[in-house]
Protein backbone atom coordinates (compact mmCIF):
# COMPACT_ATOMS: atom_id res chain seq x y z
CA MET A 1 -5.24 46.76 -2.16
CA ARG A 2 -2.24 44.49 -1.79
CA ALA A 3 -1.13 45.14 -5.38
CA TRP A 4 -1.51 48.89 -4.81
CA ARG A 5 0.67 48.68 -1.71
CA ILE A 6 3.37 46.80 -3.62
CA THR A 7 3.30 49.36 -6.43
CA ALA A 8 3.49 52.24 -3.98
CA LEU A 9 6.37 50.57 -2.14
CA VAL A 10 8.33 50.03 -5.34
CA ALA A 11 7.73 53.66 -6.35
CA LEU A 12 8.89 54.85 -2.93
CA LEU A 13 12.08 52.79 -3.13
CA LEU A 14 12.80 54.05 -6.63
CA TRP A 15 12.20 57.62 -5.52
CA ALA A 16 14.59 57.17 -2.61
CA GLN A 17 17.22 55.92 -5.05
CA GLY A 18 16.60 58.89 -7.36
CA ALA A 19 15.33 56.56 -10.08
CA VAL A 20 11.72 57.75 -10.46
CA ALA A 21 11.28 59.82 -13.60
CA GLY A 22 8.05 61.30 -12.30
CA THR A 23 4.35 60.68 -11.88
CA LEU A 24 1.90 59.73 -14.60
CA LEU A 25 -1.71 60.64 -13.79
CA VAL A 26 -4.58 58.89 -15.56
CA LEU A 27 -7.83 60.85 -15.35
CA GLY A 28 -10.57 58.73 -16.81
CA ASP A 29 -13.90 56.99 -16.50
CA SER A 30 -14.99 53.34 -16.30
CA ILE A 31 -12.78 52.25 -19.20
CA SER A 32 -9.65 53.25 -17.31
CA ALA A 33 -11.11 52.20 -13.96
CA ALA A 34 -11.39 48.63 -15.35
CA PHE A 35 -15.16 48.45 -14.83
CA GLY A 36 -16.37 44.87 -14.52
CA LEU A 37 -12.83 43.51 -14.20
CA ASP A 38 -10.22 42.93 -11.55
CA THR A 39 -8.31 46.22 -11.61
CA ARG A 40 -5.11 44.24 -12.14
CA GLN A 41 -6.47 43.24 -15.56
CA GLY A 42 -7.09 46.81 -16.70
CA TRP A 43 -5.00 48.63 -19.27
CA VAL A 44 -3.69 51.09 -16.67
CA SER A 45 -2.25 48.25 -14.60
CA LEU A 46 -0.78 46.76 -17.77
CA LEU A 47 0.74 50.18 -18.45
CA GLU A 48 2.50 50.11 -15.09
CA GLN A 49 3.98 46.74 -16.00
CA ARG A 50 5.13 47.88 -19.44
CA LEU A 51 6.72 51.05 -18.09
CA ALA A 52 8.72 48.99 -15.61
CA ALA A 53 9.66 46.39 -18.22
CA GLU A 54 10.95 49.04 -20.62
CA GLY A 55 12.87 50.93 -17.96
CA PHE A 56 10.59 53.94 -17.50
CA ALA A 57 10.45 54.55 -13.76
CA TYR A 58 7.13 56.36 -13.50
CA GLN A 59 4.72 56.14 -10.62
CA VAL A 60 1.25 55.66 -12.11
CA VAL A 61 -1.71 57.25 -10.31
CA ASN A 62 -5.04 55.99 -11.63
CA ALA A 63 -7.62 58.63 -10.72
CA SER A 64 -10.34 57.16 -12.93
CA VAL A 65 -13.94 57.03 -11.71
CA SER A 66 -16.67 54.95 -13.34
CA GLY A 67 -19.43 57.13 -14.74
CA ASP A 68 -17.35 60.30 -14.68
CA THR A 69 -17.91 63.03 -17.26
CA SER A 70 -15.59 65.73 -18.54
CA ALA A 71 -17.20 68.17 -16.10
CA GLY A 72 -16.52 65.78 -13.22
CA GLY A 73 -12.92 65.34 -14.30
CA LEU A 74 -12.43 69.07 -14.60
CA ALA A 75 -13.78 69.54 -11.07
CA ARG A 76 -11.45 66.88 -9.66
CA LEU A 77 -8.32 67.85 -11.56
CA PRO A 78 -7.00 70.82 -9.53
CA THR A 79 -6.77 68.73 -6.36
CA LEU A 80 -5.10 65.87 -8.22
CA LEU A 81 -2.54 68.19 -9.81
CA ALA A 82 -1.73 69.81 -6.48
CA GLU A 83 -1.39 66.47 -4.72
CA HIS A 84 0.59 64.50 -7.28
CA ARG A 85 2.40 67.15 -9.40
CA PRO A 86 2.44 64.80 -12.42
CA GLN A 87 4.89 65.07 -15.27
CA LEU A 88 2.39 63.34 -17.58
CA VAL A 89 -1.40 63.43 -17.62
CA ILE A 90 -3.57 61.07 -19.67
CA VAL A 91 -7.14 62.33 -20.10
CA GLU A 92 -9.64 59.59 -20.93
CA LEU A 93 -12.96 61.36 -20.57
CA GLY A 94 -15.88 62.26 -22.78
CA GLY A 95 -17.55 58.94 -23.42
CA ASN A 96 -20.20 59.51 -20.76
CA ASP A 97 -20.81 63.03 -22.06
CA GLY A 98 -21.62 61.50 -25.43
CA LEU A 99 -23.78 58.70 -24.07
CA ARG A 100 -25.84 61.36 -22.25
CA GLY A 101 -26.17 63.47 -25.36
CA GLN A 102 -24.36 66.46 -23.90
CA ALA A 103 -23.22 69.27 -26.17
CA PRO A 104 -19.90 68.62 -27.96
CA ALA A 105 -19.02 72.30 -27.48
CA GLN A 106 -19.15 71.86 -23.71
CA LEU A 107 -17.02 68.73 -23.92
CA GLN A 108 -14.47 70.63 -25.99
CA GLN A 109 -14.37 73.44 -23.44
CA ASN A 110 -13.92 71.03 -20.52
CA LEU A 111 -11.19 68.99 -22.22
CA ALA A 112 -9.29 72.10 -23.25
CA ALA A 113 -9.46 73.43 -19.69
CA MET A 114 -8.09 70.14 -18.31
CA VAL A 115 -5.21 70.17 -20.79
CA GLN A 116 -4.38 73.80 -20.08
CA GLN A 117 -4.45 73.32 -16.30
CA SER A 118 -2.10 70.34 -16.64
CA GLN A 119 0.24 72.20 -18.97
CA LYS A 120 0.31 75.15 -16.56
CA ILE A 121 2.18 73.01 -14.01
CA GLY A 122 4.54 71.74 -16.71
CA ALA A 123 2.88 68.41 -17.44
CA LYS A 124 2.69 66.82 -20.88
CA VAL A 125 -0.82 65.71 -21.83
CA LEU A 126 -2.18 62.82 -23.87
CA ILE A 127 -5.86 62.86 -24.86
CA LEU A 128 -7.58 59.54 -25.54
CA GLY A 129 -10.21 60.04 -28.21
CA MET A 130 -13.58 58.32 -28.22
CA GLN A 131 -16.32 57.60 -30.73
CA LEU A 132 -20.01 56.83 -30.27
CA PRO A 133 -22.19 54.05 -31.70
CA PRO A 134 -23.95 55.02 -34.96
CA ASN A 135 -27.39 54.94 -33.33
CA TYR A 136 -26.70 58.40 -31.91
CA GLY A 137 -27.04 59.84 -35.42
CA VAL A 138 -24.44 60.91 -37.95
CA ARG A 139 -24.56 64.61 -37.09
CA TYR A 140 -23.98 64.11 -33.38
CA THR A 141 -21.43 61.30 -33.64
CA THR A 142 -19.40 63.28 -36.19
CA ALA A 143 -19.39 66.42 -34.03
CA PHE A 144 -18.51 64.37 -30.95
CA ALA A 145 -15.58 62.54 -32.57
CA ALA A 146 -14.20 65.81 -33.93
CA VAL A 147 -13.84 67.31 -30.45
CA PHE A 148 -10.74 65.30 -29.49
CA PRO A 149 -8.50 66.25 -32.45
CA GLN A 150 -9.78 69.83 -32.19
CA VAL A 151 -8.65 70.06 -28.57
CA ALA A 152 -5.31 68.46 -29.41
CA ASN A 153 -4.74 70.98 -32.20
CA GLN A 154 -5.89 73.85 -30.00
CA THR A 155 -3.66 72.98 -27.05
CA GLY A 156 -0.73 71.08 -28.53
CA ALA A 157 -1.60 67.96 -26.54
CA ALA A 158 -0.79 64.51 -27.95
CA LEU A 159 -3.70 62.40 -29.16
CA VAL A 160 -4.85 58.82 -29.49
CA PRO A 161 -7.57 59.25 -32.13
CA PHE A 162 -9.75 56.37 -30.87
CA LEU A 163 -8.95 54.46 -27.69
CA LEU A 164 -11.16 51.52 -28.68
CA GLU A 165 -9.60 51.05 -32.12
CA GLY A 166 -9.71 47.33 -32.92
CA VAL A 167 -11.90 46.69 -29.87
CA GLY A 168 -15.18 48.60 -30.19
CA GLY A 169 -17.85 46.60 -31.98
CA VAL A 170 -15.98 43.31 -31.58
CA PRO A 171 -18.27 41.15 -29.38
CA ALA A 172 -15.50 38.82 -28.23
CA LEU A 173 -13.57 41.78 -26.82
CA MET A 174 -16.47 43.56 -25.15
CA GLN A 175 -18.41 42.85 -22.00
CA ASP A 176 -22.05 41.85 -22.24
CA ASP A 177 -23.22 45.46 -22.08
CA GLY A 178 -21.49 46.18 -25.39
CA ILE A 179 -19.97 49.35 -23.93
CA HIS A 180 -17.10 48.27 -21.70
CA PRO A 181 -14.06 46.37 -23.02
CA GLY A 182 -13.46 42.95 -21.52
CA ALA A 183 -10.27 41.48 -20.12
CA ALA A 184 -9.20 40.21 -23.55
CA ALA A 185 -9.26 43.78 -24.92
CA GLN A 186 -7.01 45.42 -22.36
CA ALA A 187 -3.71 44.63 -24.07
CA GLN A 188 -5.04 46.17 -27.29
CA LEU A 189 -6.11 49.29 -25.41
CA LEU A 190 -2.62 49.59 -23.98
CA ASP A 191 -1.08 49.18 -27.44
CA ASN A 192 -3.37 51.93 -28.74
CA VAL A 193 -2.21 54.26 -25.97
CA TRP A 194 1.46 53.26 -26.00
CA LEU A 195 2.09 54.37 -29.56
CA SER A 196 1.34 57.99 -28.67
CA LEU A 197 2.51 57.86 -25.05
CA LYS A 198 6.04 56.52 -25.52
CA PRO A 199 7.39 59.67 -27.26
CA LEU A 200 6.26 61.69 -24.23
CA LEU A 201 8.19 59.62 -21.68
């Protein structure tokens, strides 16, 4: 809470000085909510630090909820857009849809709707792609992974092909459950995001 207050205070001071470029909204699940970690260790908090260090005066709003699905994110998004009026939206959702075996077509529809709603208010959108473990079967995992580039192509959103690139399947970088990245992985997650995010700033 204390760290959040400091961040909010800095953003308020920058806004008062006319220095804030805008708001960056992160709409995600447990990976962006820093599940199992101190939130200050998570990649979204590291993103705040990198933005400040590189002179990008964005206020970061982390609206990520552990366990959330694309349907849950879609339901929450209109209120978040109205409240924060972000200039940039990062969508990190879909992993829980896949783990529950939900239809890729429904995931595609939900992601596209989130991108389109964000674009309607003038926000740029970055989609963070996800992949599933091979035990879900080749047919399903292939269809699931294809959703993210399909939505990006359909909507013109920017894309990180696989958020967990260089992290997924590496035991030393994952928590004991084998699903959630550990503290040592967060800098790599940020690097994966930053490459596609920086051109949007």
